[in-house]
PDB file of N, CA and C in Angstrom:
ATOM      1  N   UNK A   1       2.565  -9.829  39.834  1.00  0.00           N
ATOM      2  CA  UNK A   1       1.903  -9.087  38.739  1.00  0.00           C
ATOM      3  C   UNK A   1       0.911  -9.826  38.313  1.00  0.00           C
ATOM      4  N   UNK A   2      -0.303  -9.389  38.300  1.00  0.00           N
ATOM      5  CA  UNK A   2      -1.664  -9.912  37.724  1.00  0.00           C
ATOM      6  C   UNK A   2      -1.599  -9.981  36.156  1.00  0.00           C
ATOM      7  N   UNK A   3      -2.277 -11.417  35.971  1.00  0.00           N
ATOM      8  CA  UNK A   3      -2.420 -11.541  34.466  1.00  0.00           C
ATOM      9  C   UNK A   3      -3.591 -10.596  33.977  1.00  0.00           C
ATOM     10  N   UNK A   4      -3.450 -10.310  32.653  1.00  0.00           N
ATOM     11  CA  UNK A   4      -4.629  -9.669  31.946  1.00  0.00           C
ATOM     12  C   UNK A   4      -5.718 -10.781  31.703  1.00  0.00           C
ATOM     13  N   UNK A   5      -6.932  -9.993  31.692  1.00  0.00           N
ATOM     14  CA  UNK A   5      -8.067 -11.051  31.345  1.00  0.00           C
ATOM     15  C   UNK A   5      -7.968 -12.052  29.986  1.00  0.00           C
ATOM     16  N   UNK A   6      -7.326 -11.373  29.142  1.00  0.00           N
ATOM     17  CA  UNK A   6      -6.795 -11.979  27.924  1.00  0.00           C
ATOM     18  C   UNK A   6      -5.929 -13.240  28.237  1.00  0.00           C
ATOM     19  N   UNK A   7      -4.942 -13.163  28.911  1.00  0.00           N
ATOM     20  CA  UNK A   7      -4.336 -14.065  29.442  1.00  0.00           C
ATOM     21  C   UNK A   7      -4.986 -15.422  30.166  1.00  0.00           C
ATOM     22  N   UNK A   8      -5.781 -14.721  31.246  1.00  0.00           N
ATOM     23  CA  UNK A   8      -6.767 -15.558  31.933  1.00  0.00           C
ATOM     24  C   UNK A   8      -7.456 -16.480  31.012  1.00  0.00           C
ATOM     25  N   UNK A   9      -8.199 -15.686  29.917  1.00  0.00           N
ATOM     26  CA  UNK A   9      -9.012 -16.468  29.052  1.00  0.00           C
ATOM     27  C   UNK A   9      -8.242 -17.801  28.313  1.00  0.00           C
ATOM     28  N   UNK A  10      -6.998 -17.216  27.749  1.00  0.00           N
ATOM     29  CA  UNK A  10      -6.344 -18.299  27.074  1.00  0.00           C
ATOM     30  C   UNK A  10      -6.059 -19.516  27.935  1.00  0.00           C
ATOM     31  N   UNK A  11      -5.653 -19.158  29.039  1.00  0.00           N
ATOM     32  CA  UNK A  11      -5.115 -20.226  30.061  1.00  0.00           C
ATOM     33  C   UNK A  11      -6.387 -21.017  30.496  1.00  0.00           C
ATOM     34  N   UNK A  12      -7.499 -20.367  30.570  1.00  0.00           N
ATOM     35  CA  UNK A  12      -8.646 -21.257  31.125  1.00  0.00           C
ATOM     36  C   UNK A  12      -8.963 -22.372  30.371  1.00  0.00           C
ATOM     37  N   UNK A  13      -8.440 -22.559  28.763  1.00  0.00           N
ATOM     38  CA  UNK A  13      -8.893 -23.602  28.097  1.00  0.00           C
ATOM     39  C   UNK A  13     -10.286 -23.808  27.692  1.00  0.00           C
ATOM     40  N   UNK A  14     -11.229 -22.667  27.878  1.00  0.00           N
ATOM     41  CA  UNK A  14     -12.582 -22.721  27.553  1.00  0.00           C
ATOM     42  C   UNK A  14     -12.941 -22.701  25.977  1.00  0.00           C
ATOM     43  N   UNK A  15     -14.109 -23.228  25.553  1.00  0.00           N
ATOM     44  CA  UNK A  15     -14.414 -23.230  24.346  1.00  0.00           C
ATOM     45  C   UNK A  15     -15.362 -22.243  23.950  1.00  0.00           C
ATOM     46  N   UNK A  16     -15.477 -21.350  25.096  1.00  0.00           N
ATOM     47  CA  UNK A  16     -16.261 -19.918  24.810  1.00  0.00           C
ATOM     48  C   UNK A  16     -15.402 -18.949  24.135  1.00  0.00           C
ATOM     49  N   UNK A  17     -16.209 -18.124  23.434  1.00  0.00           N
ATOM     50  CA  UNK A  17     -15.551 -16.868  22.877  1.00  0.00           C
ATOM     51  C   UNK A  17     -15.142 -16.205  23.987  1.00  0.00           C
ATOM     52  N   UNK A  18     -14.201 -15.209  23.760  1.00  0.00           N
ATOM     53  CA  UNK A  18     -13.586 -14.237  24.818  1.00  0.00           C
ATOM     54  C   UNK A  18     -14.835 -13.366  25.090  1.00  0.00           C
ATOM     55  N   UNK A  19     -15.848 -12.831  24.396  1.00  0.00           N
ATOM     56  CA  UNK A  19     -16.920 -12.055  24.950  1.00  0.00           C
ATOM     57  C   UNK A  19     -17.791 -12.843  25.638  1.00  0.00           C
ATOM     58  N   UNK A  20     -18.159 -14.121  25.443  1.00  0.00           N
ATOM     59  CA  UNK A  20     -18.848 -14.849  26.157  1.00  0.00           C
ATOM     60  C   UNK A  20     -18.299 -15.160  27.560  1.00  0.00           C
ATOM     61  N   UNK A  21     -17.136 -15.709  27.517  1.00  0.00           N
ATOM     62  CA  UNK A  21     -16.294 -15.809  28.459  1.00  0.00           C
ATOM     63  C   UNK A  21     -16.094 -14.671  29.518  1.00  0.00           C
ATOM     64  N   UNK A  22     -16.096 -13.676  29.257  1.00  0.00           N
ATOM     65  CA  UNK A  22     -15.907 -12.264  29.839  1.00  0.00           C
ATOM     66  C   UNK A  22     -17.198 -12.028  30.804  1.00  0.00           C
ATOM     67  N   UNK A  23     -18.423 -12.201  29.789  1.00  0.00           N
ATOM     68  CA  UNK A  23     -19.480 -11.914  30.621  1.00  0.00           C
ATOM     69  C   UNK A  23     -19.995 -13.007  31.560  1.00  0.00           C
ATOM     70  N   UNK A  24     -19.581 -14.220  31.414  1.00  0.00           N
ATOM     71  CA  UNK A  24     -19.630 -15.253  32.509  1.00  0.00           C
ATOM     72  C   UNK A  24     -18.801 -14.965  33.722  1.00  0.00           C
ATOM     73  N   UNK A  25     -17.410 -14.753  33.434  1.00  0.00           N
ATOM     74  CA  UNK A  25     -16.591 -14.134  34.544  1.00  0.00           C
ATOM     75  C   UNK A  25     -17.097 -12.955  35.497  1.00  0.00           C
ATOM     76  N   UNK A  26     -17.710 -11.804  34.539  1.00  0.00           N
ATOM     77  CA  UNK A  26     -18.158 -10.657  35.209  1.00  0.00           C
ATOM     78  C   UNK A  26     -19.487 -11.249  35.991  1.00  0.00           C
ATOM     79  N   UNK A  27     -20.214 -11.964  35.492  1.00  0.00           N
ATOM     80  CA  UNK A  27     -21.480 -12.355  36.168  1.00  0.00           C
ATOM     81  C   UNK A  27     -21.141 -13.164  37.710  1.00  0.00           C
ATOM     82  N   UNK A  28     -19.941 -14.123  37.471  1.00  0.00           N
ATOM     83  CA  UNK A  28     -19.430 -14.608  38.692  1.00  0.00           C
ATOM     84  C   UNK A  28     -18.945 -13.737  39.865  1.00  0.00           C
ATOM     85  N   UNK A  29     -18.157 -12.620  39.312  1.00  0.00           N
ATOM     86  CA  UNK A  29     -17.727 -11.683  40.136  1.00  0.00           C
ATOM     87  C   UNK A  29     -18.810 -10.809  40.778  1.00  0.00           C
ATOM     88  N   UNK A  30     -19.737 -10.524  39.889  1.00  0.00           N
ATOM     89  CA  UNK A  30     -20.968  -9.745  40.570  1.00  0.00           C
ATOM     90  C   UNK A  30     -21.704 -10.638  41.519  1.00  0.00           C
ATOM     91  N   UNK A  31     -21.761 -11.901  41.534  1.00  0.00           N
ATOM     92  CA  UNK A  31     -22.543 -12.788  42.409  1.00  0.00           C
ATOM     93  C   UNK A  31     -21.779 -12.645  43.882  1.00  0.00           C
ATOM     94  N   UNK A  32     -20.474 -12.378  43.747  1.00  0.00           N
ATOM     95  CA  UNK A  32     -19.558 -12.371  45.173  1.00  0.00           C
ATOM     96  C   UNK A  32     -19.915 -11.088  45.808  1.00  0.00           C
ATOM     97  N   UNK A  33     -20.156 -10.167  44.825  1.00  0.00           N
ATOM     98  CA  UNK A  33     -20.340  -8.765  45.416  1.00  0.00           C
ATOM     99  C   UNK A  33     -21.925  -8.353  45.754  1.00  0.00           C
ATOM    100  N   UNK A  34     -22.701  -9.113  44.930  1.00  0.00           N
ATOM    101  CA  UNK A  34     -24.274  -8.992  45.350  1.00  0.00           C
ATOM    102  C   UNK A  34     -24.570  -7.740  44.151  1.00  0.00           C
ATOM    103  N   UNK A  35     -23.877  -7.396  43.428  1.00  0.00           N
ATOM    104  CA  UNK A  35     -24.285  -6.418  42.297  1.00  0.00           C
ATOM    105  C   UNK A  35     -24.625  -7.094  40.970  1.00  0.00           C
ATOM    106  N   UNK A  36     -25.488  -6.683  40.123  1.00  0.00           N
ATOM    107  CA  UNK A  36     -25.618  -7.309  38.925  1.00  0.00           C
ATOM    108  C   UNK A  36     -24.909  -6.221  37.898  1.00  0.00           C
ATOM    109  N   UNK A  37     -24.028  -6.694  37.075  1.00  0.00           N
ATOM    110  CA  UNK A  37     -23.432  -5.984  36.161  1.00  0.00           C
ATOM    111  C   UNK A  37     -24.120  -6.100  34.719  1.00  0.00           C
ATOM    112  N   UNK A  38     -24.548  -5.066  34.082  1.00  0.00           N
ATOM    113  CA  UNK A  38     -25.174  -5.190  32.780  1.00  0.00           C
ATOM    114  C   UNK A  38     -24.134  -5.907  31.759  1.00  0.00           C
ATOM    115  N   UNK A  39     -24.754  -6.584  30.623  1.00  0.00           N
ATOM    116  CA  UNK A  39     -23.699  -6.997  29.898  1.00  0.00           C
ATOM    117  C   UNK A  39     -23.326  -5.790  28.962  1.00  0.00           C
ATOM    118  N   UNK A  40     -22.137  -6.019  28.263  1.00  0.00           N
ATOM    119  CA  UNK A  40     -21.705  -4.674  27.494  1.00  0.00           C
ATOM    120  C   UNK A  40     -22.549  -4.607  26.238  1.00  0.00           C
ATOM    121  N   UNK A  41     -22.952  -3.403  25.948  1.00  0.00           N
ATOM    122  CA  UNK A  41     -23.807  -3.096  24.582  1.00  0.00           C
ATOM    123  C   UNK A  41     -22.763  -3.322  23.321  1.00  0.00           C
ATOM    124  N   UNK A  42     -23.533  -3.861  22.197  1.00  0.00           N
ATOM    125  CA  UNK A  42     -22.541  -3.799  21.086  1.00  0.00           C
ATOM    126  C   UNK A  42     -22.183  -2.562  20.694  1.00  0.00           C
ATOM    127  N   UNK A  43     -22.991  -1.423  21.015  1.00  0.00           N
ATOM    128  CA  UNK A  43     -22.609  -0.190  20.452  1.00  0.00           C
ATOM    129  C   UNK A  43     -21.153   0.458  21.298  1.00  0.00           C
ATOM    130  N   UNK A  44     -21.206   0.165  22.411  1.00  0.00           N
ATOM    131  CA  UNK A  44     -20.165   0.254  23.315  1.00  0.00           C
ATOM    132  C   UNK A  44     -18.796  -0.303  22.926  1.00  0.00           C
ATOM    133  N   UNK A  45     -19.018  -1.718  22.531  1.00  0.00           N
ATOM    134  CA  UNK A  45     -18.013  -2.569  22.031  1.00  0.00           C
ATOM    135  C   UNK A  45     -17.414  -1.715  20.748  1.00  0.00           C
ATOM    136  N   UNK A  46     -18.374  -1.435  19.754  1.00  0.00           N
ATOM    137  CA  UNK A  46     -17.911  -0.879  18.438  1.00  0.00           C
ATOM    138  C   UNK A  46     -17.150   0.371  18.691  1.00  0.00           C
ATOM    139  N   UNK A  47     -17.676   1.015  19.685  1.00  0.00           N
ATOM    140  CA  UNK A  47     -16.747   2.386  19.845  1.00  0.00           C
ATOM    141  C   UNK A  47     -15.632   2.128  20.337  1.00  0.00           C
ATOM    142  N   UNK A  48     -15.461   1.392  21.306  1.00  0.00           N
ATOM    143  CA  UNK A  48     -14.222   0.897  21.686  1.00  0.00           C
ATOM    144  C   UNK A  48     -13.195   0.438  20.844  1.00  0.00           C
ATOM    145  N   UNK A  49     -13.819  -0.516  19.961  1.00  0.00           N
ATOM    146  CA  UNK A  49     -12.938  -0.959  18.866  1.00  0.00           C
ATOM    147  C   UNK A  49     -12.422   0.133  18.060  1.00  0.00           C
ATOM    148  N   UNK A  50     -13.196   0.937  17.591  1.00  0.00           N
ATOM    149  CA  UNK A  50     -12.878   2.077  16.599  1.00  0.00           C
ATOM    150  C   UNK A  50     -11.983   3.177  17.227  1.00  0.00           C
ATOM    151  N   UNK A  51     -12.109   3.073  18.441  1.00  0.00           N
ATOM    152  CA  UNK A  51     -11.098   4.114  19.168  1.00  0.00           C
ATOM    153  C   UNK A  51      -9.846   3.400  19.341  1.00  0.00           C
ATOM    154  N   UNK A  52      -9.767   2.000  19.678  1.00  0.00           N
ATOM    155  CA  UNK A  52      -8.438   1.419  19.723  1.00  0.00           C
ATOM    156  C   UNK A  52      -7.778   1.165  18.549  1.00  0.00           C
ATOM    157  N   UNK A  53      -8.517   1.138  17.387  1.00  0.00           N
ATOM    158  CA  UNK A  53      -7.872   0.923  16.085  1.00  0.00           C
ATOM    159  C   UNK A  53      -7.042   2.445  15.501  1.00  0.00           C
ATOM    160  N   UNK A  54      -7.965   3.409  15.954  1.00  0.00           N
ATOM    161  CA  UNK A  54      -7.408   4.914  15.720  1.00  0.00           C
ATOM    162  C   UNK A  54      -6.099   5.158  16.444  1.00  0.00           C
ATOM    163  N   UNK A  55      -6.250   4.701  17.626  1.00  0.00           N
ATOM    164  CA  UNK A  55      -5.045   5.030  18.609  1.00  0.00           C
ATOM    165  C   UNK A  55      -3.813   4.186  18.238  1.00  0.00           C
ATOM    166  N   UNK A  56      -4.235   2.958  17.480  1.00  0.00           N
ATOM    167  CA  UNK A  56      -3.134   2.053  17.119  1.00  0.00           C
ATOM    168  C   UNK A  56      -2.520   2.164  15.613  1.00  0.00           C
ATOM    169  N   UNK A  57      -3.146   3.291  15.086  1.00  0.00           N
ATOM    170  CA  UNK A  57      -2.583   3.461  13.737  1.00  0.00           C
ATOM    171  C   UNK A  57      -3.267   2.698  12.594  1.00  0.00           C
ATOM    172  N   UNK A  58      -4.097   1.905  12.762  1.00  0.00           N
ATOM    173  CA  UNK A  58      -4.881   1.162  11.728  1.00  0.00           C
ATOM    174  C   UNK A  58      -5.784   2.173  10.936  1.00  0.00           C
ATOM    175  N   UNK A  59      -5.551   1.962   9.642  1.00  0.00           N
ATOM    176  CA  UNK A  59      -5.853   2.699   8.425  1.00  0.00           C
ATOM    177  C   UNK A  59      -7.051   2.191   7.654  1.00  0.00           C
ATOM    178  N   UNK A  60      -8.104   2.856   7.433  1.00  0.00           N
ATOM    179  CA  UNK A  60      -9.209   2.412   6.740  1.00  0.00           C
ATOM    180  C   UNK A  60      -9.072   2.303   5.262  1.00  0.00           C
ATOM    181  N   UNK A  61      -8.426   3.374   4.947  1.00  0.00           N
ATOM    182  CA  UNK A  61      -8.260   3.668   3.425  1.00  0.00           C
ATOM    183  C   UNK A  61      -7.021   2.767   2.767  1.00  0.00           C
ATOM    184  N   UNK A  62      -7.126   2.345   1.660  1.00  0.00           N
ATOM    185  CA  UNK A  62      -6.013   1.577   0.875  1.00  0.00           C
ATOM    186  C   UNK A  62      -5.238   2.446   0.336  1.00  0.00           C
ATOM    187  N   UNK A  63      -4.005   2.264   0.530  1.00  0.00           N
ATOM    188  CA  UNK A  63      -3.000   3.109  -0.042  1.00  0.00           C
ATOM    189  C   UNK A  63      -2.126   1.986  -1.314  1.00  0.00           C
ATOM    190  N   UNK A  64      -2.195   2.852  -2.275  1.00  0.00           N
ATOM    191  CA  UNK A  64      -1.225   2.434  -3.368  1.00  0.00           C
ATOM    192  C   UNK A  64       0.027   2.538  -3.464  1.00  0.00           C
ATOM    193  N   UNK A  65       0.702   2.873  -2.336  1.00  0.00           N
ATOM    194  CA  UNK A  65       2.136   3.096  -2.118  1.00  0.00           C
ATOM    195  C   UNK A  65       2.804   2.054  -1.666  1.00  0.00           C
ATOM    196  N   UNK A  66       2.036   0.992  -1.139  1.00  0.00           N
ATOM    197  CA  UNK A  66       2.688  -0.221  -0.314  1.00  0.00           C
ATOM    198  C   UNK A  66       2.453  -1.374  -0.981  1.00  0.00           C
ATOM    199  N   UNK A  67       3.074  -2.517  -0.889  1.00  0.00           N
ATOM    200  CA  UNK A  67       2.881  -4.017  -1.219  1.00  0.00           C
ATOM    201  C   UNK A  67       3.407  -4.731   0.001  1.00  0.00           C
ATOM    202  N   UNK A  68       2.538  -5.387   0.533  1.00  0.00           N
ATOM    203  CA  UNK A  68       2.872  -6.254   1.819  1.00  0.00           C
ATOM    204  C   UNK A  68       3.277  -5.038   2.892  1.00  0.00           C
ATOM    205  N   UNK A  69       3.198  -3.920   2.833  1.00  0.00           N
ATOM    206  CA  UNK A  69       3.596  -2.947   3.850  1.00  0.00           C
ATOM    207  C   UNK A  69       4.940  -2.399   3.436  1.00  0.00           C
ATOM    208  N   UNK A  70       5.494  -2.719   2.335  1.00  0.00           N
ATOM    209  CA  UNK A  70       6.837  -2.302   2.021  1.00  0.00           C
ATOM    210  C   UNK A  70       6.679  -1.353   0.766  1.00  0.00           C
ATOM    211  N   UNK A  71       7.129  -0.149   0.801  1.00  0.00           N
ATOM    212  CA  UNK A  71       7.091   0.736  -0.333  1.00  0.00           C
ATOM    213  C   UNK A  71       7.237   0.161  -1.561  1.00  0.00           C
ATOM    214  N   UNK A  72       6.452   0.409  -2.560  1.00  0.00           N
ATOM    215  CA  UNK A  72       6.528  -0.220  -3.844  1.00  0.00           C
ATOM    216  C   UNK A  72       7.941   0.102  -4.546  1.00  0.00           C
ATOM    217  N   UNK A  73       8.282   1.249  -4.239  1.00  0.00           N
ATOM    218  CA  UNK A  73       9.709   1.797  -5.094  1.00  0.00           C
ATOM    219  C   UNK A  73      10.819   0.827  -4.648  1.00  0.00           C
ATOM    220  N   UNK A  74      10.709   0.613  -3.327  1.00  0.00           N
ATOM    221  CA  UNK A  74      11.890  -0.149  -2.633  1.00  0.00           C
ATOM    222  C   UNK A  74      11.915  -1.452  -3.275  1.00  0.00           C
ATOM    223  N   UNK A  75      10.615  -2.003  -3.549  1.00  0.00           N
ATOM    224  CA  UNK A  75      10.488  -3.271  -4.165  1.00  0.00           C
ATOM    225  C   UNK A  75      10.874  -3.280  -5.464  1.00  0.00           C
ATOM    226  N   UNK A  76      10.560  -2.527  -6.128  1.00  0.00           N
ATOM    227  CA  UNK A  76      10.991  -2.473  -7.619  1.00  0.00           C
ATOM    228  C   UNK A  76      12.482  -2.210  -7.760  1.00  0.00           C
ATOM    229  N   UNK A  77      13.052  -1.393  -6.884  1.00  0.00           N
ATOM    230  CA  UNK A  77      14.624  -1.258  -6.840  1.00  0.00           C
ATOM    231  C   UNK A  77      15.055  -2.404  -6.293  1.00  0.00           C
ATOM    232  N   UNK A  78      14.656  -3.190  -5.566  1.00  0.00           N
ATOM    233  CA  UNK A  78      15.297  -4.388  -4.955  1.00  0.00           C
ATOM    234  C   UNK A  78      15.201  -5.485  -6.164  1.00  0.00           C
ATOM    235  N   UNK A  79      13.987  -5.571  -6.786  1.00  0.00           N
ATOM    236  CA  UNK A  79      13.926  -6.467  -7.775  1.00  0.00           C
ATOM    237  C   UNK A  79      14.812  -6.156  -8.945  1.00  0.00           C
ATOM    238  N   UNK A  80      15.062  -5.087  -9.333  1.00  0.00           N
ATOM    239  CA  UNK A  80      16.117  -4.675 -10.326  1.00  0.00           C
ATOM    240  C   UNK A  80      17.471  -5.096 -10.083  1.00  0.00           C
ATOM    241  N   UNK A  81      17.722  -5.132  -8.694  1.00  0.00           N
ATOM    242  CA  UNK A  81      19.078  -5.431  -8.232  1.00  0.00           C
ATOM    243  C   UNK A  81      19.177  -6.979  -8.485  1.00  0.00           C
ATOM    244  N   UNK A  82      18.345  -7.569  -7.923  1.00  0.00           N
ATOM    245  CA  UNK A  82      18.262  -9.075  -7.838  1.00  0.00           C
ATOM    246  C   UNK A  82      18.350  -9.530  -9.409  1.00  0.00           C
ATOM    247  N   UNK A  83      17.516  -9.002 -10.197  1.00  0.00           N
ATOM    248  CA  UNK A  83      17.622  -9.480 -11.682  1.00  0.00           C
ATOM    249  C   UNK A  83      18.822  -9.119 -12.171  1.00  0.00           C
ATOM    250  N   UNK A  84      19.540  -8.032 -12.076  1.00  0.00           N
ATOM    251  CA  UNK A  84      20.765  -7.666 -12.299  1.00  0.00           C
ATOM    252  C   UNK A  84      22.081  -8.567 -11.837  1.00  0.00           C
ATOM    253  N   UNK A  85      21.747  -8.990 -10.708  1.00  0.00           N
ATOM    254  CA  UNK A  85      22.837  -9.975 -10.145  1.00  0.00           C
ATOM    255  C   UNK A  85      22.704 -11.330 -10.777  1.00  0.00           C
ATOM    256  N   UNK A  86      21.616 -11.724 -10.801  1.00  0.00           N
ATOM    257  CA  UNK A  86      21.227 -13.140 -11.802  1.00  0.00           C
ATOM    258  C   UNK A  86      21.913 -12.929 -13.180  1.00  0.00           C
ATOM    259  N   UNK A  87      21.521 -11.619 -13.778  1.00  0.00           N
ATOM    260  CA  UNK A  87      22.001 -11.819 -15.210  1.00  0.00           C
ATOM    261  C   UNK A  87      23.436 -11.553 -15.307  1.00  0.00           C
ATOM    262  N   UNK A  88      24.132 -10.865 -14.275  1.00  0.00           N
ATOM    263  CA  UNK A  88      25.531 -10.865 -14.170  1.00  0.00           C
ATOM    264  C   UNK A  88      26.195 -12.118 -13.968  1.00  0.00           C
ATOM    265  N   UNK A  89      25.659 -13.081 -13.169  1.00  0.00           N
ATOM    266  CA  UNK A  89      25.932 -14.301 -12.764  1.00  0.00           C
ATOM    267  C   UNK A  89      26.068 -15.230 -14.025  1.00  0.00           C
ATOM    268  N   UNK A  90      25.028 -15.119 -14.622  1.00  0.00           N
ATOM    269  CA  UNK A  90      24.711 -15.910 -15.937  1.00  0.00           C
ATOM    270  C   UNK A  90      25.988 -15.470 -16.919  1.00  0.00           C
ATOM    271  N   UNK A  91      25.941 -14.268 -17.093  1.00  0.00           N
ATOM    272  CA  UNK A  91      26.922 -13.630 -18.004  1.00  0.00           C
ATOM    273  C   UNK A  91      28.583 -14.185 -17.848  1.00  0.00           C
ATOM    274  N   UNK A  92      28.886 -14.247 -16.439  1.00  0.00           N
ATOM    275  CA  UNK A  92      30.101 -14.552 -16.030  1.00  0.00           C
ATOM    276  C   UNK A  92      30.323 -16.055 -16.294  1.00  0.00           C
ATOM    277  N   UNK A  93      29.062 -16.803 -15.916  1.00  0.00           N
ATOM    278  CA  UNK A  93      29.187 -18.188 -16.455  1.00  0.00           C
ATOM    279  C   UNK A  93      29.440 -18.472 -17.783  1.00  0.00           C
ATOM    280  N   UNK A  94      28.843 -17.985 -18.570  1.00  0.00           N
ATOM    281  CA  UNK A  94      29.100 -18.173 -20.093  1.00  0.00           C
ATOM    282  C   UNK A  94      30.336 -17.535 -20.741  1.00  0.00           C
ATOM    283  N   UNK A  95      30.990 -16.731 -19.819  1.00  0.00           N
ATOM    284  CA  UNK A  95      32.193 -16.170 -20.561  1.00  0.00           C
ATOM    285  C   UNK A  95      33.544 -16.959 -20.474  1.00  0.00           C
TER     286      UNK A  95
END
Protein backbone atom coordinates (compact mmCIF):
# COMPACT_ATOMS: atom_id res chain seq x y z
CA UNK A 1 0.00 0.00 0.00
CA UNK A 2 1.33 3.39 -0.97
CA UNK A 3 1.67 6.07 1.69
CA UNK A 4 -0.29 9.32 1.48
CA UNK A 5 1.51 12.57 0.79
CA UNK A 6 0.80 13.72 4.33
CA UNK A 7 2.51 10.61 5.74
CA UNK A 8 5.48 11.09 3.41
CA UNK A 9 5.78 14.73 4.54
CA UNK A 10 5.75 13.73 8.22
CA UNK A 11 8.35 11.02 7.67
CA UNK A 12 10.63 13.29 5.63
CA UNK A 13 11.56 15.26 8.77
CA UNK A 14 11.66 18.50 6.81
CA UNK A 15 11.36 21.93 8.36
CA UNK A 16 9.24 23.14 5.43
CA UNK A 17 5.51 23.62 5.79
CA UNK A 18 3.35 21.03 4.05
CA UNK A 19 2.44 23.48 1.29
CA UNK A 20 6.07 24.39 0.58
CA UNK A 21 7.15 20.73 0.74
CA UNK A 22 4.35 19.72 -1.64
CA UNK A 23 5.36 22.40 -4.17
CA UNK A 24 8.97 21.22 -3.99
CA UNK A 25 7.94 17.58 -4.47
CA UNK A 26 5.67 18.48 -7.39
CA UNK A 27 8.53 20.37 -9.01
CA UNK A 28 10.85 17.38 -8.53
CA UNK A 29 8.31 15.01 -10.12
CA UNK A 30 7.72 17.44 -12.98
CA UNK A 31 11.45 17.59 -13.69
CA UNK A 32 11.42 13.81 -14.20
CA UNK A 33 8.52 14.08 -16.66
CA UNK A 34 9.73 17.27 -18.33
CA UNK A 35 6.42 18.98 -17.56
CA UNK A 36 6.14 22.17 -15.52
CA UNK A 37 3.25 22.10 -13.04
CA UNK A 38 2.01 25.52 -11.93
CA UNK A 39 1.86 26.03 -8.16
CA UNK A 40 -1.62 25.79 -6.65
CA UNK A 41 -3.45 29.10 -6.36
CA UNK A 42 -4.68 30.29 -3.01
CA UNK A 43 -8.22 30.55 -4.39
CA UNK A 44 -8.26 26.86 -5.29
CA UNK A 45 -6.85 25.95 -1.88
CA UNK A 46 -9.50 28.02 -0.08
CA UNK A 47 -12.30 26.48 -2.15
CA UNK A 48 -10.99 22.99 -1.49
CA UNK A 49 -10.68 23.74 2.24
CA UNK A 50 -14.27 25.01 2.42
CA UNK A 51 -15.53 21.99 0.49
CA UNK A 52 -13.71 19.57 2.82
CA UNK A 53 -15.07 21.38 5.88
CA UNK A 54 -18.63 21.18 4.54
CA UNK A 55 -18.32 17.48 3.72
CA UNK A 56 -16.74 16.81 7.12
CA UNK A 57 -19.60 18.43 9.01
CA UNK A 58 -17.71 21.53 10.18
CA UNK A 59 -20.13 24.18 11.42
CA UNK A 60 -19.33 27.88 11.16
CA UNK A 61 -22.16 29.12 13.37
CA UNK A 62 -21.93 28.93 17.14
CA UNK A 63 -24.54 26.80 18.88
CA UNK A 64 -25.56 27.62 22.43
CA UNK A 65 -26.85 24.08 22.91
CA UNK A 66 -23.49 22.45 23.68
CA UNK A 67 -20.55 22.93 26.01
CA UNK A 68 -17.34 21.25 24.81
CA UNK A 69 -19.48 19.30 22.33
CA UNK A 70 -21.80 17.90 25.03
CA UNK A 71 -25.43 18.91 25.28
CA UNK A 72 -25.77 21.48 28.06
CA UNK A 73 -28.82 19.74 29.55
CA UNK A 74 -26.85 16.50 29.91
CA UNK A 75 -24.10 18.41 31.74
CA UNK A 76 -26.61 20.11 34.04
CA UNK A 77 -28.31 16.79 34.83
CA UNK A 78 -24.94 15.11 35.45
CA UNK A 79 -23.87 17.99 37.70
CA UNK A 80 -27.06 17.71 39.75
CA UNK A 81 -26.47 13.96 40.20
CA UNK A 82 -22.85 14.53 41.29
CA UNK A 83 -23.79 17.30 43.74
CA UNK A 84 -26.62 15.12 45.08
CA UNK A 85 -24.29 12.16 45.56
CA UNK A 86 -21.75 14.31 47.41
CA UNK A 87 -24.50 15.80 49.59
CA UNK A 88 -25.86 12.33 50.36
CA UNK A 89 -22.39 11.07 51.28
CA UNK A 90 -21.86 14.04 53.64
CA UNK A 91 -25.32 13.51 55.15
CA UNK A 92 -24.62 9.79 55.79
CA UNK A 93 -21.23 10.59 57.30
CA UNK A 94 -22.63 13.12 59.80
CA UNK A 95 -25.57 10.93 60.76
